[in-house]
Protein backbone atom coordinates (compact mmCIF):
# COMPACT_ATOMS: atom_id res chain seq x y z
CA MET A 1 13.28 20.46 13.70
CA PRO A 2 16.86 18.33 14.64
CA PHE A 3 18.15 15.95 12.34
CA SER A 4 17.29 12.59 13.04
CA THR A 5 18.29 9.10 11.92
CA TRP A 6 15.78 6.08 11.43
CA GLU A 7 17.35 4.22 14.06
CA THR A 8 17.46 6.83 16.49
CA ALA A 9 13.76 7.63 15.90
CA LEU A 10 12.75 3.74 15.85
CA SER A 11 14.82 3.07 19.96
CA SER A 12 13.63 6.79 21.17
CA LEU A 13 9.87 5.79 20.06
CA ARG A 14 9.69 3.68 22.81
CA ASN A 15 12.00 5.30 25.49
CA ALA A 16 11.05 9.00 24.55
CA GLU A 17 9.86 10.53 27.98
CA SER A 18 9.32 14.58 28.41
CA LYS A 19 11.65 15.71 25.65
CA VAL A 20 10.41 15.48 22.33
CA ALA A 21 10.97 17.81 20.10
CA PRO A 22 7.62 18.58 17.77
CA SER A 23 7.79 16.53 14.16
CA LEU A 24 6.36 18.06 11.15
CA LEU A 25 4.80 15.58 9.36
CA ILE A 26 2.83 15.63 5.94
CA SER A 27 0.63 13.27 4.19
CA GLU A 28 -0.20 12.00 0.62
CA MET A 29 -4.43 11.84 1.76
CA GLN A 30 -5.98 14.99 3.40
CA MET A 31 -7.58 14.18 6.72
CA ARG A 32 -9.49 16.86 9.06
CA TRP A 33 -7.76 15.35 12.07
CA ASN A 34 -10.21 16.34 14.58
CA ASN A 35 -9.05 15.92 18.29
CA VAL A 36 -6.31 13.16 17.20
CA LYS A 37 -3.93 11.89 19.73
CA ILE A 38 -1.53 8.54 19.08
CA GLY A 39 -0.45 7.41 22.59
CA ASP A 40 1.20 10.43 24.49
CA TYR A 41 1.16 12.45 21.33
CA ARG A 42 -0.97 14.85 19.50
CA ILE A 43 -1.72 15.79 15.92
CA THR A 44 -2.51 19.08 15.30
CA PRO A 45 -3.37 20.06 11.79
CA LEU A 46 -1.97 23.49 10.40
CA LYS A 47 -4.95 23.93 7.96
CA GLU A 48 -4.49 26.49 4.95
CA LYS A 49 -6.84 29.39 3.59
CA GLU A 50 -8.96 28.70 -0.05
CA ILE A 51 -11.33 30.46 -2.31
CA SER A 52 -14.42 29.08 -2.86
CA ILE A 53 -17.41 30.60 -5.20
CA VAL A 54 -20.94 30.06 -4.03
CA ARG A 55 -23.73 31.73 -5.43
CA GLY A 56 -21.47 34.15 -6.94
CA HIS A 57 -20.30 35.13 -3.66
CA GLN A 58 -16.18 34.53 -3.11
CA ILE A 59 -15.73 33.37 0.18
CA VAL A 60 -12.19 33.24 1.70
CA HIS A 61 -11.89 30.07 4.16
CA ASP A 62 -9.90 27.54 6.23
CA SER A 63 -9.66 24.40 4.05
CA PRO A 64 -11.98 21.59 5.95
CA TYR A 65 -8.85 19.16 5.19
CA SER A 66 -4.77 19.22 5.92
CA ARG A 67 -1.99 17.42 5.16
CA LEU A 68 -0.09 19.12 6.91
CA VAL A 69 0.57 18.42 10.92
CA VAL A 70 2.32 18.79 13.56
CA LEU A 71 3.34 15.91 16.11
CA SER A 72 4.05 17.27 19.84
CA LYS A 73 3.49 16.24 23.41
CA ASP A 74 1.04 18.81 24.50
CA GLY A 75 -0.18 20.02 21.07
CA LYS A 76 1.58 23.14 20.86
CA THR A 77 2.45 24.44 17.08
CA GLU A 78 3.71 28.12 17.87
CA ASN A 79 6.92 29.08 19.89
CA ALA A 80 7.29 25.16 20.79
CA PRO A 81 10.96 24.53 21.38
CA LEU A 82 12.74 22.02 19.24
CA ILE A 83 15.31 20.49 21.58
CA GLY A 84 14.69 16.92 22.46
CA VAL A 85 14.26 13.19 20.60
CA ASN A 86 12.59 13.56 16.95
CA ILE A 87 10.70 10.76 16.81
CA GLY A 88 9.06 11.67 13.46
CA LEU A 89 10.65 9.11 11.51
CA ALA A 90 9.42 6.39 13.04
CA MET A 91 5.74 7.34 13.10
CA SER A 92 5.81 8.50 9.68
CA SER A 93 6.24 5.01 9.17
CA ILE A 94 3.46 3.80 11.19
CA MET A 95 0.72 6.33 9.79
CA SER A 96 2.24 5.65 6.40
CA PHE A 97 0.87 1.99 6.89
CA THR A 98 -2.38 2.76 8.87
CA LEU A 99 -3.01 5.26 6.92
CA ARG A 100 -2.18 3.45 3.50
CA SER A 101 -0.81 6.35 2.06
CA LEU A 102 2.82 7.79 2.10
CA VAL A 103 3.52 10.06 4.84
CA ILE A 104 6.57 11.92 5.48
CA SER A 105 8.64 13.67 8.23
CA TYR A 106 10.28 16.65 7.81
CA ASP A 107 13.94 15.12 8.00
CA GLU A 108 13.77 12.08 5.65
CA PHE A 109 12.68 12.69 2.27
CA PHE A 110 12.78 15.81 -0.05
CA PRO A 111 11.14 15.78 -2.65
CA PRO A 112 12.70 16.15 -5.80
CA LEU A 113 12.65 20.27 -6.84
CA HIS A 114 11.20 21.03 -10.23
CA LEU A 115 11.79 24.82 -10.27
CA GLU A 116 10.14 26.52 -13.03
CA GLY A 117 11.67 29.62 -12.57
CA SER A 118 14.24 31.79 -10.21
CA ASP A 119 12.15 33.01 -7.08
CA HIS A 120 11.86 29.98 -5.03
CA ARG A 121 13.08 30.98 -1.23
CA LEU A 122 16.03 28.28 -0.97
CA SER A 123 16.93 30.06 2.07
CA VAL A 124 13.76 28.63 3.48
CA PRO A 125 13.99 24.93 3.50
CA GLY A 126 11.14 24.31 5.72
CA GLU A 127 8.75 25.95 3.40
CA LEU A 128 10.53 24.70 0.22
CA TRP A 129 9.69 21.54 1.54
CA VAL A 130 5.91 21.91 2.37
CA GLU A 131 5.43 23.35 -0.79
CA GLY A 132 7.37 20.41 -2.80
CA TRP A 133 5.59 17.82 -1.53
CA GLN A 134 2.18 19.95 -1.92
CA ASN A 135 2.92 19.70 -5.30
CA ILE A 136 3.66 16.38 -5.68
CA PHE A 137 0.64 14.94 -3.76
CA GLU A 138 -1.84 17.06 -5.82
CA ARG A 139 -0.09 16.49 -9.32
CA GLN A 140 1.71 13.13 -9.02
CA GLU A 141 -0.32 9.84 -9.08
CA GLY A 142 1.44 7.85 -6.20
CA LEU A 143 1.10 3.78 -5.62
CA ARG A 144 -3.19 4.49 -4.88
CA ARG A 145 -3.96 7.37 -7.18
CA TYR A 146 -7.03 7.82 -6.23
CA LEU A 147 -5.47 8.88 -3.38
CA GLN A 148 -4.70 12.44 -5.50
CA SER A 149 -8.14 14.19 -4.48
CA TYR A 150 -9.64 11.71 -1.93
CA VAL A 151 -10.77 12.13 1.77
CA PRO A 152 -12.35 9.84 3.95
CA SER A 153 -15.85 10.19 5.22
CA PRO A 154 -15.42 11.23 8.96
CA GLN A 155 -16.27 7.63 9.64
CA GLU A 156 -13.63 5.92 7.65
CA GLU A 157 -11.12 8.93 9.32
CA GLU A 158 -12.88 7.82 12.78
CA ASN A 159 -11.41 4.04 12.21
CA LEU A 160 -8.06 4.99 10.70
CA VAL A 161 -7.44 7.13 13.72
CA LYS A 162 -8.54 4.18 15.95
CA ILE A 163 -6.45 1.89 14.02
CA THR A 164 -3.53 3.68 14.65
CA GLN A 165 -4.05 4.10 17.63
CA GLN A 166 -3.94 0.12 18.50
CA VAL A 167 -1.37 -0.42 16.14
CA TYR A 168 1.07 2.47 17.88
CA GLU A 169 -0.46 0.43 21.56
CA ILE A 170 0.94 -2.51 20.48
CA LEU A 171 4.33 -1.75 19.17
CA MET A 172 4.76 -0.19 22.45
CA LYS A 173 4.37 -3.34 24.61
CA ILE A 174 5.31 -6.42 22.19
CA GLU A 175 9.11 -7.96 22.61
CA GLU A 176 12.49 -5.84 21.32
CA GLU A 177 13.05 -8.02 18.34
CA LYS A 178 9.32 -8.60 17.86
CA TYR A 179 9.15 -4.53 17.70
CA GLN A 180 12.34 -4.19 15.32
CA SER A 181 11.28 -6.50 12.49
CA ILE A 182 7.49 -4.76 12.57
CA MET A 183 8.43 -1.69 12.40
CA GLY A 184 11.14 -2.45 9.57
CA ALA A 185 8.29 -4.20 7.97
CA LEU A 186 6.30 -0.60 8.17
CA ARG A 187 9.20 0.93 6.82
CA LEU A 188 9.87 -0.71 3.76
CA TYR A 189 6.17 -0.63 3.50
CA GLN A 190 6.53 3.58 3.39
CA MET A 191 9.19 3.33 1.20
CA ALA A 192 7.00 1.35 -1.48
CA TYR A 193 5.25 4.28 -1.68
CA PHE A 194 7.72 6.63 -1.59
CA ILE A 195 9.82 5.22 -4.68
CA ALA A 196 6.29 4.04 -6.75
CA ARG A 197 6.69 8.08 -8.31
CA ILE A 198 9.82 6.37 -10.00
CA ASP A 199 9.95 2.75 -10.08
CA TYR A 200 7.18 0.73 -9.76
CA SER A 201 9.32 -2.98 -10.33
CA LEU A 202 11.07 -1.51 -7.10
CA ALA A 203 7.92 -0.58 -5.19
CA TYR A 204 6.66 -3.91 -6.06
CA SER A 205 9.89 -5.47 -4.28
CA LEU A 206 9.55 -3.81 -1.25
CA LEU A 207 6.21 -4.93 -0.49
CA VAL A 208 7.43 -8.45 -0.70
CA ALA A 209 10.50 -7.18 1.29
CA ALA A 210 7.99 -5.65 4.08
CA VAL A 211 6.32 -9.10 4.04
CA ASP A 212 9.66 -10.78 5.06
CA ALA A 213 10.66 -8.58 7.61
CA ALA A 214 7.32 -8.84 9.03
CA SER A 215 7.47 -12.91 9.38
CA SER A 216 11.17 -12.85 9.94
CA SER A 217 10.50 -14.51 13.69
CA ILE A 218 8.50 -17.68 11.94
CA CYS A 219 10.56 -20.25 11.35
CA THR A 220 9.97 -22.44 8.00
CA LYS A 221 12.42 -24.82 6.91
CA THR A 222 11.96 -26.87 3.70
CA LYS A 223 13.80 -30.18 2.93
CA LEU A 224 15.29 -31.23 -0.51
CA LYS A 225 12.83 -34.25 -0.42
CA ASP A 226 10.02 -31.88 -0.27
CA ILE A 227 10.82 -30.07 -3.76
CA ASP A 228 11.99 -33.24 -5.70
CA PRO A 229 10.35 -36.48 -3.80
CA GLU A 230 11.59 -38.70 -6.87
CA GLY A 231 15.37 -37.33 -6.16
CA LYS A 232 16.07 -36.16 -9.96
CA LEU A 233 18.63 -33.91 -8.43
CA LYS A 234 20.78 -36.15 -6.76
CA ARG A 235 21.08 -38.43 -9.61
CA ILE A 236 21.83 -35.55 -11.78
CA MET A 237 24.39 -34.21 -9.52
CA GLU A 238 25.78 -37.70 -8.91
CA GLU A 239 26.11 -38.42 -12.54
CA LEU A 240 28.04 -34.96 -13.20
CA GLN A 241 30.45 -35.95 -10.51
CA PHE A 242 29.86 -33.51 -7.67
CA ASP A 243 31.32 -33.55 -4.84
CA GLY A 244 29.94 -33.93 -1.19
CA THR A 245 30.48 -30.45 -0.18
CA LEU A 246 29.33 -29.10 -3.93
CA GLN A 247 25.85 -31.12 -3.61
CA ASN A 248 25.65 -29.83 0.07
CA ALA A 249 25.76 -26.48 -1.33
CA VAL A 250 23.46 -26.68 -4.14
CA ASN A 251 20.71 -28.29 -1.55
CA SER A 252 21.32 -25.44 0.58
CA ILE A 253 20.84 -22.75 -2.00
CA ILE A 254 17.52 -24.10 -3.37
CA THR A 255 16.38 -25.11 0.36
CA HIS A 256 16.91 -22.16 1.34
CA HIS A 257 15.17 -19.94 -1.31
CA LYS A 258 12.54 -22.29 -1.45
CA SER A 259 11.79 -21.92 2.27
CA LEU A 260 11.78 -18.45 2.69
CA THR A 261 9.12 -17.94 -0.35
CA LYS A 262 7.14 -20.57 1.82
CA ARG A 263 7.64 -18.51 4.66
CA ILE A 264 6.11 -15.45 2.53
CA SER A 265 3.25 -17.44 1.69
CA ASN A 266 2.46 -18.80 4.71
CA PHE A 267 2.28 -15.35 6.29
CA ILE A 268 -0.11 -13.98 3.81
CA LEU A 269 -2.53 -17.19 3.70
CA GLU A 270 -2.57 -17.20 7.39
CA ASN A 271 -3.11 -13.79 8.12
CA LEU A 272 -4.91 -12.56 5.11
CA PRO A 273 -8.22 -11.97 6.77
CA SER A 274 -11.93 -12.60 5.26
CA THR A 275 -12.41 -8.70 4.63
CA PHE A 276 -10.47 -8.64 1.84
CA TRP A 277 -12.43 -11.26 -0.22
CA GLU A 278 -15.90 -10.16 0.72
CA GLY A 279 -17.75 -7.79 2.69
CA ASP A 280 -18.47 -3.32 2.90
CA TYR A 281 -14.38 -3.16 3.07
CA SER A 282 -13.67 -5.99 0.46
CA MET A 283 -10.98 -5.11 -2.81
CA VAL A 284 -14.35 -5.44 -4.84
CA ARG A 285 -15.68 -2.49 -2.84
CA GLU A 286 -12.33 -0.45 -3.13
CA ALA A 287 -12.69 1.83 -6.17
CA GLU A 288 -16.17 2.54 -5.53
CA ILE A 289 -15.78 3.60 -1.50
CA MET A 290 -12.58 5.90 -3.38
CA SER A 291 -15.49 7.66 -5.27
CA GLU A 292 -18.31 8.22 -2.45
CA HIS A 293 -17.15 11.02 -0.71
CA TYR A 294 -17.39 13.31 -3.66
CA TRP A 295 -21.17 11.85 -5.19
CA SER A 296 -22.50 11.90 -1.35
CA GLY A 297 -22.27 15.23 -0.83
CA GLN A 298 -19.83 14.99 1.99
CA PHE A 299 -17.19 17.68 0.33
CA LEU A 300 -20.12 19.99 0.43
CA ARG A 301 -20.98 19.00 4.02
CA ASP A 302 -17.35 19.51 4.76
CA LEU A 303 -17.01 22.72 3.31
CA SER A 304 -20.37 24.25 4.70
CA LYS A 305 -18.79 24.28 8.33
CA SER A 306 -16.50 27.07 7.11
CA PHE A 307 -19.44 29.08 5.62
CA PRO A 308 -21.34 31.98 6.90
CA GLU A 309 -25.46 31.80 6.69
CA PRO A 310 -26.92 31.88 3.93
CA LEU A 311 -24.21 29.87 2.17
CA LYS A 312 -24.00 27.78 4.69
CA GLN A 313 -27.58 26.00 3.87
CA GLU A 314 -27.32 26.71 0.28
CA LEU A 315 -24.24 23.72 0.57
CA ILE A 316 -26.26 21.77 3.05
CA ARG A 317 -29.11 21.80 0.52
CA GLN A 318 -26.54 20.56 -2.53
CA ALA A 319 -25.13 18.66 -0.84
CA GLU A 320 -28.31 16.48 0.54
CA GLU A 321 -29.27 16.46 -3.70
CA HIS A 322 -25.75 14.91 -4.33
CA GLN A 323 -26.70 12.43 -1.93
CA ARG A 324 -30.41 11.45 -3.14
CA VAL A 325 -28.77 11.55 -6.74
CA TYR A 326 -26.18 9.07 -6.12
CA LYS A 327 -28.35 6.77 -4.01
CA GLU A 328 -30.46 6.37 -7.44
CA PHE A 329 -27.70 6.07 -9.46
CA LYS A 330 -26.34 3.24 -7.07
CA LYS A 331 -30.19 1.45 -7.16
CA LYS A 332 -30.28 1.46 -10.85
CA LYS A 333 -26.48 0.29 -11.17
CA SER A 334 -26.79 -3.77 -11.58
CA GLU A 335 -23.19 -5.89 -11.40
CA VAL A 336 -23.87 -6.25 -15.44
CA ASP A 337 -22.45 -2.49 -15.83
CA ARG A 338 -18.96 -2.78 -14.20
CA ARG A 339 -16.25 -2.65 -15.78
CA TRP A 340 -14.87 -5.96 -15.42
CA ILE A 341 -12.50 -7.12 -17.77
CA PHE A 342 -13.65 -10.41 -17.61
CA ASN A 343 -17.43 -11.85 -18.00
CA LYS A 344 -19.16 -13.32 -14.94
CA GLU A 345 -18.62 -16.75 -15.44
CA GLN A 346 -14.59 -15.84 -15.97
CA ARG A 347 -14.34 -13.50 -13.06
CA LYS A 348 -16.10 -16.27 -10.98
CA TRP A 349 -13.73 -18.90 -12.03
CA MET A 350 -10.73 -16.98 -11.43
CA ILE A 351 -11.73 -15.86 -7.98
CA SER A 352 -12.26 -19.19 -7.03
CA TYR A 353 -8.61 -20.34 -8.51
CA LEU A 354 -6.98 -17.01 -6.69
CA ARG A 355 -8.89 -18.21 -3.01
CA ASP A 356 -7.75 -22.07 -3.55
CA HIS A 357 -4.12 -21.29 -4.92
CA LEU A 358 -3.29 -18.20 -3.58
CA ASP A 359 0.27 -19.82 -2.75
CA ARG A 360 0.88 -20.47 -6.14
CA VAL A 361 0.60 -16.87 -7.40
CA LEU A 362 2.58 -15.90 -4.32
CA THR A 363 5.29 -17.96 -5.10
CA ASN A 364 5.23 -16.44 -9.12
CA THR A 365 5.53 -12.50 -6.95
CA PHE A 366 8.22 -13.91 -5.14
CA GLY A 367 9.89 -15.22 -8.06
CA SER A 368 9.94 -11.90 -9.75
CA ARG A 369 11.34 -10.26 -6.80
CA SER A 370 14.56 -12.68 -6.82
CA GLU A 371 14.53 -12.36 -10.87
CA LEU A 372 14.32 -8.39 -10.33
CA PHE A 373 17.53 -8.47 -7.71
CA HIS A 374 19.44 -11.35 -9.24
CA PHE A 375 19.12 -10.79 -13.14
CA GLY A 376 17.92 -7.25 -13.09
CA LYS A 377 14.86 -8.15 -14.80
CA GLY A 378 11.64 -6.29 -14.39
CA PHE A 379 8.24 -7.39 -12.66
CA PRO A 380 5.61 -8.10 -15.37
CA LYS A 381 4.29 -5.53 -16.86
CA PHE A 382 0.46 -6.79 -16.28
CA ALA A 383 1.21 -6.48 -12.46
CA LEU A 384 2.53 -2.80 -12.99
CA ARG A 385 -0.49 -1.57 -14.91
CA GLU A 386 -1.85 1.41 -13.33
CA GLU A 387 -5.35 1.51 -14.18
CA PHE A 388 -7.29 -0.08 -11.58
CA HIS A 389 -10.32 -1.57 -13.44
CA ASP A 390 -10.83 -4.91 -11.43
CA TRP A 391 -8.79 -6.26 -9.38
CA ILE A 392 -8.69 -9.51 -10.52
CA PRO A 393 -5.48 -10.10 -12.60
CA ASP A 394 -4.88 -11.07 -16.04
CA VAL A 395 -5.08 -14.22 -17.09
CA PHE A 396 -2.90 -13.05 -20.60
CA GLU A 397 0.51 -13.38 -19.73
CA GLU A 398 3.33 -11.23 -20.78
CA ASP A 399 4.55 -12.75 -24.21
CA PHE A 400 0.64 -13.15 -25.07
CA PRO A 401 1.07 -10.46 -28.12
CA SER A 402 3.86 -12.11 -29.69
CA PHE A 403 2.56 -15.41 -29.26
CA SER A 404 -0.88 -14.70 -30.30
CA LYS A 405 0.57 -12.92 -33.42
CA LYS A 406 3.03 -15.79 -34.32
CA HIS A 407 0.06 -18.79 -33.94
CA VAL A 408 -2.41 -16.89 -35.25
CA GLU A 409 -3.80 -20.03 -37.37
CA HIS A 410 -3.56 -22.25 -34.68
CA THR A 411 -6.08 -22.80 -32.10
CA TRP A 412 -5.07 -22.85 -28.07
CA ASP A 413 -6.45 -23.48 -24.50
CA TYR A 414 -5.58 -23.11 -20.91
CA SER A 415 -5.74 -26.01 -18.78
CA LEU A 416 -4.93 -26.15 -14.60
CA ASP A 417 -2.33 -28.78 -12.98
CA LYS A 418 -1.84 -28.67 -9.60
CA GLY A 419 -2.43 -25.19 -9.23
CA ARG A 420 -0.21 -24.10 -12.09
CA ILE A 421 -1.81 -22.97 -15.33
CA PHE A 422 -0.69 -23.84 -19.03
CA ARG A 423 -1.35 -22.48 -22.35
CA THR A 424 -1.13 -25.62 -24.61
CA CYS A 425 -1.24 -24.83 -28.49
CA SER A 426 -2.56 -27.15 -31.07
CA CYS A 427 1.19 -26.83 -32.72
CA GLY A 428 2.55 -28.41 -29.42
CA ASP A 429 3.93 -25.53 -27.76
CA ARG A 430 3.32 -25.43 -23.87
CA GLU A 431 4.38 -23.01 -21.22
CA GLU A 432 2.77 -21.93 -18.23
CA VAL A 433 1.01 -18.99 -17.39
CA LYS A 434 2.23 -16.98 -14.34
CA VAL A 435 -0.53 -15.19 -12.94
CA MET A 436 0.21 -12.49 -10.39
CA PHE A 437 -1.82 -10.01 -8.76
CA GLY A 438 -1.56 -5.92 -9.44
CA ILE A 439 1.12 -3.63 -7.71
CA CYS A 440 -2.57 -1.97 -6.34
CA VAL A 441 -3.77 -5.10 -5.26
CA PHE A 442 -1.22 -6.60 -3.37
CA GLU A 443 -0.30 -3.75 -1.79
CA ARG A 444 -3.80 -4.33 0.12
CA ILE A 445 -2.99 -7.86 0.26
CA VAL A 446 0.26 -6.81 1.84
CA HIS A 447 -1.41 -4.27 4.62
CA ASP A 448 -4.05 -6.53 5.36
CA SER A 449 -2.30 -9.32 6.30
CA ILE A 450 0.71 -7.32 8.31
CA LEU A 451 -2.29 -5.14 10.18
CA ASN A 452 -4.34 -8.16 10.99
CA TYR A 453 -0.93 -9.85 12.58
CA ILE A 454 0.20 -7.15 14.35
CA LEU A 455 -3.64 -6.83 15.91
CA GLY A 456 -3.35 -10.62 16.98
CA LEU A 457 -0.45 -9.78 19.12
CA ALA A 458 -2.54 -7.95 21.38
CA LYS A 459 -4.62 -11.46 22.17
């Protein structure tokens, strides 16, 4: 496969006609990839052989799923000419976004090599690349840790493919400037998935940058009087004898930062769909959906398609039993059985706070991004935790352990003032608690907002 740059792939995706080279892609999420076509391109899965044991019988069969696919004009995977435009880098960005998992083209990222011996065939870079990423996806947890062993249901896979087709068609029709900014946003989103295996703080900042890129065509201006209506800053600068040029420079820096924060916040506020908060595909349902595939027997049904009779019927029977047991389990499982961090009352209050003051939470997020790039200070640890017990953020602040130890004999309480939560101690200590979403939740917010924005461009 010929080497290509991101910029070349980006422009070629909209301009390529017949001379398009096949592109090898590998995905973090396994799928069936049956009869998939994205625009003029066909996706052909490269499935591997597996060994399964059913009722004492060892069967060698094709895997029902695949991480590895070939993107081509005609669907050919053997003896295909490698001359022509390689649009794999651009398509991998689109697919990473629509599938919410890391999808990589052969000529963009090479995996870190974990050599356990000297028998690696370095002379075969293609095989080494596939082997390296297969091992990483199977053994290392990424931004969405459940993807390590997750396979979407047939209905969900059909919906993911449909969304990919829609996004591709929209991108091919919009004006060039908007196309460039949206593709840049999708690339930053993809890079967040890539870099999350190394640095969660940087991954979080790339998700913020993705919203920044997607909203770049939206003009939001803020005047200093909107930030400082009483003119306190102006009076202080006059007391310090700042001349007009210096005052204008300070005003420009403050209003630019505020405008950028407001633009990013407004983009999410205007585009985050209601389905994030409620419904079958809401954030609260995400952890459950990720586990339903296995417990509902879907894996056994997919596996049975590769087995001969009567073992095929045995697997289908087991799948039906799994589904029956799972349905009974769901009926008995009540709301109180969920492993929420908060009790029911605290949860209700926090969800209400998030919906009413989402702009404040997003402002805190952008502030952390600025502190990372300007001062080298990483995102708060509670926003980077890998566990996904609940999507509601912790109200406990970063310094809570040291604060509680210092004020162990005191009492403290929390109060709300114009969207800002303050912790007040009986000794007089008062500090603001900055609520932020965990990185796994913010990824979903970024994805849903940008996707809703893109789909809206077709109207």
